[in-house]
Amino acid sequence: MFDTFEAYITAKGQFSKEELQLMRSLAIVKKYRKRQLLLKEGEICQYKMFITKGLLKTYCLKNDGTEHIMRFAPENTWTTDHESFSRQVPSKCNIEALEPTEVLLWTQDSLNRIMQAVPAFKTYLDALISNTLNSSYERILMNISYTSEEKYHDFVSTFPDIFRRVPLHMVASYLGVSRETLSRIRHAQLKQQKLEP
């Protein structure tokens, strides 16, 4: 499992065998079944997670049981509840495996040890946090200014692999549109594709 992470991280920067060994020694390897929770609302998030295989979703539940999906995390991506993890406060969301999933977990203490010993890893994590923040701003802008059709087309073009792996109602939840609206958009798109030469 660590080999997947090693291939990923060495494509992001220069790391010695000793540095990679430190990362490996502090990583916790876990496997999760489909529908198994990695984090439950109200718990304190203890880990930053790197997905080596599978797919996770981060979602919040309304009082009526409605899901609001905040994020999908496929293989070769990171996920966590940043606020809960960094401030050690109860999480407002859940993280669940959508497929059988394998992850590498690091505690805050472990990450701090790695960053102190491996400056290139700290540089990488700082850039990752900055990119995540930029993506969050783009998502907010999309939610307040895009039409439902534009949200759908943006999702399909940005995350084609995820689109093929999750049911339509989850895509609708992520986009903040009803399943009926999304079905109508998809139907119109398929009809348009058939008309095109």
C-alpha atoms as a PDB file:
ATOM      1  CA  MET A   1       0.000   0.000   0.000  1.00  0.00           C
ATOM      2  CA  PHE A   2       2.817   2.377   0.843  1.00  0.00           C
ATOM      3  CA  ASP A   3       4.303   1.774  -2.620  1.00  0.00           C
ATOM      4  CA  THR A   4       1.303   3.597  -4.124  1.00  0.00           C
ATOM      5  CA  PHE A   5       1.932   6.574  -1.844  1.00  0.00           C
ATOM      6  CA  GLU A   6       5.680   6.479  -2.545  1.00  0.00           C
ATOM      7  CA  ALA A   7       5.062   6.644  -6.311  1.00  0.00           C
ATOM      8  CA  TYR A   8       2.653   9.548  -5.722  1.00  0.00           C
ATOM      9  CA  ILE A   9       4.866  11.580  -3.378  1.00  0.00           C
ATOM     10  CA  THR A  10       8.107  11.099  -5.326  1.00  0.00           C
ATOM     11  CA  ALA A  11       6.337  12.584  -8.354  1.00  0.00           C
ATOM     12  CA  LYS A  12       5.706  15.702  -6.218  1.00  0.00           C
ATOM     13  CA  GLY A  13       9.243  16.275  -4.924  1.00  0.00           C
ATOM     14  CA  GLN A  14      12.699  14.904  -4.128  1.00  0.00           C
ATOM     15  CA  PHE A  15      12.751  12.574  -1.120  1.00  0.00           C
ATOM     16  CA  SER A  16      15.579  10.365   0.142  1.00  0.00           C
ATOM     17  CA  LYS A  17      15.148   6.715   1.101  1.00  0.00           C
ATOM     18  CA  GLU A  18      15.494   7.733   4.753  1.00  0.00           C
ATOM     19  CA  GLU A  19      12.778  10.366   4.424  1.00  0.00           C
ATOM     20  CA  LEU A  20      10.426   7.916   2.730  1.00  0.00           C
ATOM     21  CA  GLN A  21      11.180   5.355   5.437  1.00  0.00           C
ATOM     22  CA  LEU A  22      10.203   7.900   8.104  1.00  0.00           C
ATOM     23  CA  MET A  23       6.884   8.528   6.334  1.00  0.00           C
ATOM     24  CA  ARG A  24       6.311   4.775   6.095  1.00  0.00           C
ATOM     25  CA  SER A  25       7.174   4.142   9.751  1.00  0.00           C
ATOM     26  CA  LEU A  26       4.634   6.732  10.964  1.00  0.00           C
ATOM     27  CA  ALA A  27       1.813   5.676   8.611  1.00  0.00           C
ATOM     28  CA  ILE A  28      -1.098   3.572   9.835  1.00  0.00           C
ATOM     29  CA  VAL A  29      -2.434   1.177   7.190  1.00  0.00           C
ATOM     30  CA  LYS A  30      -6.200   0.552   7.226  1.00  0.00           C
ATOM     31  CA  LYS A  31      -8.745  -1.203   5.022  1.00  0.00           C
ATOM     32  CA  TYR A  32     -12.438  -0.322   5.058  1.00  0.00           C
ATOM     33  CA  ARG A  33     -15.488  -2.140   3.753  1.00  0.00           C
ATOM     34  CA  LYS A  34     -18.008  -0.478   1.480  1.00  0.00           C
ATOM     35  CA  ARG A  35     -20.312   1.780   3.567  1.00  0.00           C
ATOM     36  CA  GLN A  36     -17.950   1.688   6.565  1.00  0.00           C
ATOM     37  CA  LEU A  37     -17.453   5.015   8.344  1.00  0.00           C
ATOM     38  CA  LEU A  38     -13.936   6.367   8.799  1.00  0.00           C
ATOM     39  CA  LEU A  39     -15.256   9.375  10.723  1.00  0.00           C
ATOM     40  CA  LYS A  40     -18.630   9.938  12.360  1.00  0.00           C
ATOM     41  CA  GLU A  41     -20.251  13.296  13.099  1.00  0.00           C
ATOM     42  CA  GLY A  42     -19.419  14.313  16.680  1.00  0.00           C
ATOM     43  CA  GLU A  43     -16.096  12.457  16.747  1.00  0.00           C
ATOM     44  CA  ILE A  44     -12.764  14.270  16.646  1.00  0.00           C
ATOM     45  CA  CYS A  45     -10.908  13.589  13.400  1.00  0.00           C
ATOM     46  CA  GLN A  46      -7.576  12.014  14.368  1.00  0.00           C
ATOM     47  CA  TYR A  47      -6.063  11.490  10.919  1.00  0.00           C
ATOM     48  CA  LYS A  48      -5.089  13.000   7.622  1.00  0.00           C
ATOM     49  CA  MET A  49      -5.882  10.256   5.120  1.00  0.00           C
ATOM     50  CA  PHE A  50      -4.280   9.301   1.813  1.00  0.00           C
ATOM     51  CA  ILE A  51      -6.399   6.962  -0.305  1.00  0.00           C
ATOM     52  CA  THR A  52      -4.368   4.262  -2.074  1.00  0.00           C
ATOM     53  CA  LYS A  53      -7.398   2.334  -3.335  1.00  0.00           C
ATOM     54  CA  GLY A  54     -11.148   2.971  -3.374  1.00  0.00           C
ATOM     55  CA  LEU A  55     -13.372   6.009  -2.959  1.00  0.00           C
ATOM     56  CA  LEU A  56     -14.549   8.053   0.033  1.00  0.00           C
ATOM     57  CA  LYS A  57     -17.273  10.647   0.449  1.00  0.00           C
ATOM     58  CA  THR A  58     -17.466  13.394   3.048  1.00  0.00           C
ATOM     59  CA  TYR A  59     -21.023  14.423   3.863  1.00  0.00           C
ATOM     60  CA  CYS A  60     -23.170  16.218   6.417  1.00  0.00           C
ATOM     61  CA  LEU A  61     -26.639  15.090   7.482  1.00  0.00           C
ATOM     62  CA  LYS A  62     -29.597  17.420   7.935  1.00  0.00           C
ATOM     63  CA  ASN A  63     -32.124  16.775  10.720  1.00  0.00           C
ATOM     64  CA  ASP A  64     -34.451  15.076   8.219  1.00  0.00           C
ATOM     65  CA  GLY A  65     -31.696  12.637   7.186  1.00  0.00           C
ATOM     66  CA  THR A  66     -30.908  14.372   3.890  1.00  0.00           C
ATOM     67  CA  GLU A  67     -27.255  14.040   2.850  1.00  0.00           C
ATOM     68  CA  HIS A  68     -25.183  16.966   1.640  1.00  0.00           C
ATOM     69  CA  ILE A  69     -22.040  15.595   0.007  1.00  0.00           C
ATOM     70  CA  MET A  70     -19.108  17.955   0.457  1.00  0.00           C
ATOM     71  CA  ARG A  71     -16.408  15.960  -1.257  1.00  0.00           C
ATOM     72  CA  PHE A  72     -15.452  12.767  -3.062  1.00  0.00           C
ATOM     73  CA  ALA A  73     -11.918  11.417  -2.547  1.00  0.00           C
ATOM     74  CA  PRO A  74     -10.694   8.721  -4.965  1.00  0.00           C
ATOM     75  CA  GLU A  75      -7.312   6.996  -4.980  1.00  0.00           C
ATOM     76  CA  ASN A  76      -4.201   9.193  -4.968  1.00  0.00           C
ATOM     77  CA  THR A  77      -5.937  12.000  -3.091  1.00  0.00           C
ATOM     78  CA  TRP A  78      -5.976  13.173   0.510  1.00  0.00           C
ATOM     79  CA  THR A  79      -8.954  13.798   2.736  1.00  0.00           C
ATOM     80  CA  THR A  80      -9.725  14.777   6.312  1.00  0.00           C
ATOM     81  CA  ASP A  81     -12.110  17.003   8.219  1.00  0.00           C
ATOM     82  CA  HIS A  82      -9.660  19.890   8.286  1.00  0.00           C
ATOM     83  CA  GLU A  83     -11.364  21.893  11.048  1.00  0.00           C
ATOM     84  CA  SER A  84     -11.786  18.884  13.346  1.00  0.00           C
ATOM     85  CA  PHE A  85      -8.275  17.580  12.622  1.00  0.00           C
ATOM     86  CA  SER A  86      -6.414  20.864  13.027  1.00  0.00           C
ATOM     87  CA  ARG A  87      -8.404  22.260  15.980  1.00  0.00           C
ATOM     88  CA  GLN A  88      -9.281  18.909  17.607  1.00  0.00           C
ATOM     89  CA  VAL A  89     -12.988  19.772  17.805  1.00  0.00           C
ATOM     90  CA  PRO A  90     -15.978  17.468  17.136  1.00  0.00           C
ATOM     91  CA  SER A  91     -16.611  16.882  13.445  1.00  0.00           C
ATOM     92  CA  LYS A  92     -19.752  18.223  11.780  1.00  0.00           C
ATOM     93  CA  CYS A  93     -19.545  15.611   9.028  1.00  0.00           C
ATOM     94  CA  ASN A  94     -19.033  11.940   8.208  1.00  0.00           C
ATOM     95  CA  ILE A  95     -16.461  10.233   6.002  1.00  0.00           C
ATOM     96  CA  GLU A  96     -17.634   6.947   4.468  1.00  0.00           C
ATOM     97  CA  ALA A  97     -16.184   4.375   2.075  1.00  0.00           C
ATOM     98  CA  LEU A  98     -18.215   4.100  -1.142  1.00  0.00           C
ATOM     99  CA  GLU A  99     -16.123   1.129  -2.262  1.00  0.00           C
ATOM    100  CA  PRO A 100     -13.742  -1.260  -0.480  1.00  0.00           C
ATOM    101  CA  THR A 101     -11.015   1.245   0.373  1.00  0.00           C
ATOM    102  CA  GLU A 102      -7.415   1.213   1.551  1.00  0.00           C
ATOM    103  CA  VAL A 103      -5.890   4.252   3.225  1.00  0.00           C
ATOM    104  CA  LEU A 104      -2.724   5.450   4.894  1.00  0.00           C
ATOM    105  CA  LEU A 105      -3.369   7.494   8.029  1.00  0.00           C
ATOM    106  CA  TRP A 106      -1.127   9.966   9.815  1.00  0.00           C
ATOM    107  CA  THR A 107      -1.868  11.667  13.134  1.00  0.00           C
ATOM    108  CA  GLN A 108      -1.190  15.354  13.655  1.00  0.00           C
ATOM    109  CA  ASP A 109       1.859  14.453  15.757  1.00  0.00           C
ATOM    110  CA  SER A 110       3.186  12.143  13.022  1.00  0.00           C
ATOM    111  CA  LEU A 111       2.748  14.799  10.329  1.00  0.00           C
ATOM    112  CA  ASN A 112       4.510  17.371  12.504  1.00  0.00           C
ATOM    113  CA  ARG A 113       7.444  14.980  12.978  1.00  0.00           C
ATOM    114  CA  ILE A 114       7.668  14.364   9.232  1.00  0.00           C
ATOM    115  CA  MET A 115       7.452  18.089   8.400  1.00  0.00           C
ATOM    116  CA  GLN A 116      10.221  18.926  10.886  1.00  0.00           C
ATOM    117  CA  ALA A 117      12.510  16.231   9.512  1.00  0.00           C
ATOM    118  CA  VAL A 118      11.579  16.602   5.815  1.00  0.00           C
ATOM    119  CA  PRO A 119      11.319  20.252   4.664  1.00  0.00           C
ATOM    120  CA  ALA A 120      10.271  19.174   1.154  1.00  0.00           C
ATOM    121  CA  PHE A 121       7.235  17.401   2.637  1.00  0.00           C
ATOM    122  CA  LYS A 122       6.234  20.550   4.543  1.00  0.00           C
ATOM    123  CA  THR A 123       6.503  22.540   1.294  1.00  0.00           C
ATOM    124  CA  TYR A 124       4.340  19.939  -0.439  1.00  0.00           C
ATOM    125  CA  LEU A 125       1.674  19.944   2.318  1.00  0.00           C
ATOM    126  CA  ASP A 126       1.558  23.767   2.351  1.00  0.00           C
ATOM    127  CA  ALA A 127       0.919  23.734  -1.423  1.00  0.00           C
ATOM    128  CA  LEU A 128      -1.723  21.013  -0.981  1.00  0.00           C
ATOM    129  CA  ILE A 129      -3.576  23.091   1.647  1.00  0.00           C
ATOM    130  CA  SER A 130      -3.392  26.155  -0.609  1.00  0.00           C
ATOM    131  CA  ASN A 131      -4.787  24.181  -3.576  1.00  0.00           C
ATOM    132  CA  THR A 132      -7.564  22.763  -1.391  1.00  0.00           C
ATOM    133  CA  LEU A 133      -8.493  26.279  -0.275  1.00  0.00           C
ATOM    134  CA  ASN A 134      -8.560  27.490  -3.889  1.00  0.00           C
ATOM    135  CA  SER A 135     -10.775  24.538  -4.861  1.00  0.00           C
ATOM    136  CA  SER A 136     -13.156  25.393  -2.003  1.00  0.00           C
ATOM    137  CA  TYR A 137     -13.451  28.992  -3.230  1.00  0.00           C
ATOM    138  CA  GLU A 138     -14.123  27.766  -6.771  1.00  0.00           C
ATOM    139  CA  ARG A 139     -16.800  25.419  -5.457  1.00  0.00           C
ATOM    140  CA  ILE A 140     -18.488  28.256  -3.534  1.00  0.00           C
ATOM    141  CA  LEU A 141     -18.408  30.442  -6.655  1.00  0.00           C
ATOM    142  CA  MET A 142     -19.879  27.612  -8.721  1.00  0.00           C
ATOM    143  CA  ASN A 143     -22.675  27.051  -6.210  1.00  0.00           C
ATOM    144  CA  ILE A 144     -23.742  30.686  -6.144  1.00  0.00           C
ATOM    145  CA  SER A 145     -23.283  31.586  -9.807  1.00  0.00           C
ATOM    146  CA  TYR A 146     -23.573  28.494 -12.039  1.00  0.00           C
ATOM    147  CA  THR A 147     -26.810  27.139 -13.465  1.00  0.00           C
ATOM    148  CA  SER A 148     -27.668  23.509 -12.739  1.00  0.00           C
ATOM    149  CA  GLU A 149     -26.567  22.605 -16.285  1.00  0.00           C
ATOM    150  CA  GLU A 150     -23.219  24.361 -15.810  1.00  0.00           C
ATOM    151  CA  LYS A 151     -22.656  22.604 -12.466  1.00  0.00           C
ATOM    152  CA  TYR A 152     -23.355  19.238 -14.098  1.00  0.00           C
ATOM    153  CA  HIS A 153     -21.050  19.841 -17.086  1.00  0.00           C
ATOM    154  CA  ASP A 154     -18.288  21.122 -14.792  1.00  0.00           C
ATOM    155  CA  PHE A 155     -18.531  18.012 -12.594  1.00  0.00           C
ATOM    156  CA  VAL A 156     -18.502  15.579 -15.533  1.00  0.00           C
ATOM    157  CA  SER A 157     -15.508  17.275 -17.164  1.00  0.00           C
ATOM    158  CA  THR A 158     -13.569  17.723 -13.901  1.00  0.00           C
ATOM    159  CA  PHE A 159     -14.330  14.330 -12.331  1.00  0.00           C
ATOM    160  CA  PRO A 160     -15.194  11.894 -15.168  1.00  0.00           C
ATOM    161  CA  ASP A 161     -13.911   8.884 -13.203  1.00  0.00           C
ATOM    162  CA  ILE A 162     -15.966   9.730 -10.100  1.00  0.00           C
ATOM    163  CA  PHE A 163     -19.046  10.371 -12.264  1.00  0.00           C
ATOM    164  CA  ARG A 164     -18.802   6.787 -13.564  1.00  0.00           C
ATOM    165  CA  ARG A 165     -18.384   5.355 -10.049  1.00  0.00           C
ATOM    166  CA  VAL A 166     -21.134   7.003  -8.002  1.00  0.00           C
ATOM    167  CA  PRO A 167     -24.937   6.880  -8.342  1.00  0.00           C
ATOM    168  CA  LEU A 168     -26.779   9.861  -9.795  1.00  0.00           C
ATOM    169  CA  HIS A 169     -28.403  10.860  -6.484  1.00  0.00           C
ATOM    170  CA  MET A 170     -24.923  11.365  -4.961  1.00  0.00           C
ATOM    171  CA  VAL A 171     -23.867  13.581  -7.858  1.00  0.00           C
ATOM    172  CA  ALA A 172     -27.087  15.571  -7.342  1.00  0.00           C
ATOM    173  CA  SER A 173     -26.318  15.916  -3.618  1.00  0.00           C
ATOM    174  CA  TYR A 174     -22.776  17.105  -4.359  1.00  0.00           C
ATOM    175  CA  LEU A 175     -24.053  19.661  -6.885  1.00  0.00           C
ATOM    176  CA  GLY A 176     -26.883  20.851  -4.637  1.00  0.00           C
ATOM    177  CA  VAL A 177     -29.615  20.054  -7.170  1.00  0.00           C
ATOM    178  CA  SER A 178     -32.536  17.646  -7.024  1.00  0.00           C
ATOM    179  CA  ARG A 179     -32.222  14.207  -8.567  1.00  0.00           C
ATOM    180  CA  GLU A 180     -35.112  15.080 -10.893  1.00  0.00           C
ATOM    181  CA  THR A 181     -33.275  18.176 -12.152  1.00  0.00           C
ATOM    182  CA  LEU A 182     -30.118  16.157 -12.757  1.00  0.00           C
ATOM    183  CA  SER A 183     -32.055  13.426 -14.586  1.00  0.00           C
ATOM    184  CA  ARG A 184     -33.636  16.100 -16.817  1.00  0.00           C
ATOM    185  CA  ILE A 185     -30.219  17.618 -17.596  1.00  0.00           C
ATOM    186  CA  ARG A 186     -28.719  14.217 -18.405  1.00  0.00           C
ATOM    187  CA  HIS A 187     -31.675  13.283 -20.598  1.00  0.00           C
ATOM    188  CA  ALA A 188     -31.370  16.563 -22.532  1.00  0.00           C
ATOM    189  CA  GLN A 189     -27.636  16.031 -22.952  1.00  0.00           C
ATOM    190  CA  LEU A 190     -28.043  12.476 -24.240  1.00  0.00           C
ATOM    191  CA  LYS A 191     -30.740  13.653 -26.646  1.00  0.00           C
ATOM    192  CA  GLN A 192     -28.406  16.417 -27.896  1.00  0.00           C
ATOM    193  CA  GLN A 193     -25.564  13.904 -28.416  1.00  0.00           C
ATOM    194  CA  LYS A 194     -27.816  11.705 -30.549  1.00  0.00           C
ATOM    195  CA  LEU A 195     -28.701  14.710 -32.757  1.00  0.00           C
ATOM    196  CA  GLU A 196     -25.063  15.648 -33.287  1.00  0.00           C
ATOM    197  CA  PRO A 197     -23.475  14.159 -36.448  1.00  0.00           C
END
